[in-house]
Amino acid sequence: IVLKTPRLPPPPLSGVDFIREGRVMRDDGNDDNSASDDDSDCDNYDFIGDVYPSEVLNVEVDTSQCNERTSESNQNNITHWKRKEFRLVLVGDSPVEGIGNTHHDHALGGQTARAFAQLVCRQEGYDCVRYWSHGKSGLTARGIEEDMVPLLYRVLEDVRCSPNDNDATGKVGGTTDDEPSSEPAIHAIVVVCGVNNVLDPMSTTSSFHSEVRSLLASIRRRNELKNTPLIVLGLPDFARLPFLPWPLSFALGLRGRRMQRALEVVVKEIQQLDGKLRGKSETILVNIPEVQDVVGSIGYHRHDSTGSNSGDGATGSQSKNGKSEPLKMRLCHPLLKHLGDSSLDQTKLGGLRIEDFLCDDGFHPGGYGTVYVGNLIAEAYGKLMNLP
């Protein structure tokens, strides 16, 4: 793998250098994160490309400075935090870092934030999604706990010290006001781990189980994160990755499936613990369906103008004047559910290949792959929160 896989770079400002104030994604109806010329556009006030206003670049973690910074921000009329925003943090390895993607908008972090924006802005009334994507290539589950979880803690402290309009007090976490806020500092956390454990010959199924359990426990250790929805991404099937030759694909596929089962066991243990302590679990595992199972397949179903579907035996529907009208045929591709909000034309879905879901190294998610996985993660959050 080291010899065969091209060493593709991540986008600028990745990993530990990811912009400290996070990046903003808004549900604008056309999946476009570019800045608008309209001054009323919420992104114009805090995000243009990768540049933030100089007044908010240096955010101190010291909570004693919260009131001072809040006052200074109000004096400068900075609107960086002035909207009801959903805050999302991703921690993990190379997919979270964005390896193989030229910009964070196209990487897993950006596409996940876009999918969340389409969900929470429409269903929960948020104005936008602010996200942080802290990942580093080569990290095992233990490495993520040691190197990336501290950055999650830093985000938590930064948000608690920042003025925000998510609630009536304008404060988050209640650290600068006598009345505590009911609004969480972080609304959802995504964990991506395990690929490097599969590739590490020193890692075993037992050690991976212990590492993942310790990783998830380290996140739940903070009181502010005990009830935060925690979404864990499952492992891909190494046996079906296009760049791996046989028998390496077979061996890594077998090893990966064993570690996937260990991951499932850990998540189930965390869910049971959550249920005992809080009555319900805020942890969920997202398994990635194999794209090869649906790539290239096209199906049709009959569809009438009222939006109801019928079986193949139906011949018509009743119109407003009571006359029978023939049912129209609508394209129904299995991937439409998770790629329907992309710019891909429905009629071209049948021509997709597995390479369209991966970066040029044939390993890391890219192209439609990050759109696909991002929508899966957002869908899991919706199920966890019982969103319609």
Foldseek 3Di string as FASTA:
>chain_A
DVVQFDQFAFAPQFAPRPQLLFAKFAPPPQLDPADDPDPVPPCVLADHARDGPPLPRDQDLPLVCLVVSQVVCVVVVRCNAEFQEAEEEEFEADQLRGGQDHGPCFGLFNLLQNLLNVVCCVFVVGGIYGYYRHYYHLDALLRRQVRPVVSVVSQQSRLQSYQHDNDPVRGAQCSPHPDGDPDQSHQEYEYEHDPNLLVDPVHALVNSLVSNLVSVVSQCVDVSRVQHQYEYEADDQQLPQVSDDPPVSVSSNVRSVSNRVSVVVSQVVQQVVSCVVPVGGSYDYQYDPDPVVFALDKDKFWAAPVGDTDHPVDAFDQDPVRDTDGTDIDIDGPCCQQCVSPPDDSVCRNVDDLVCQPRPSSPHGGHCVSSRVSNSRSVVNCVSVVTD
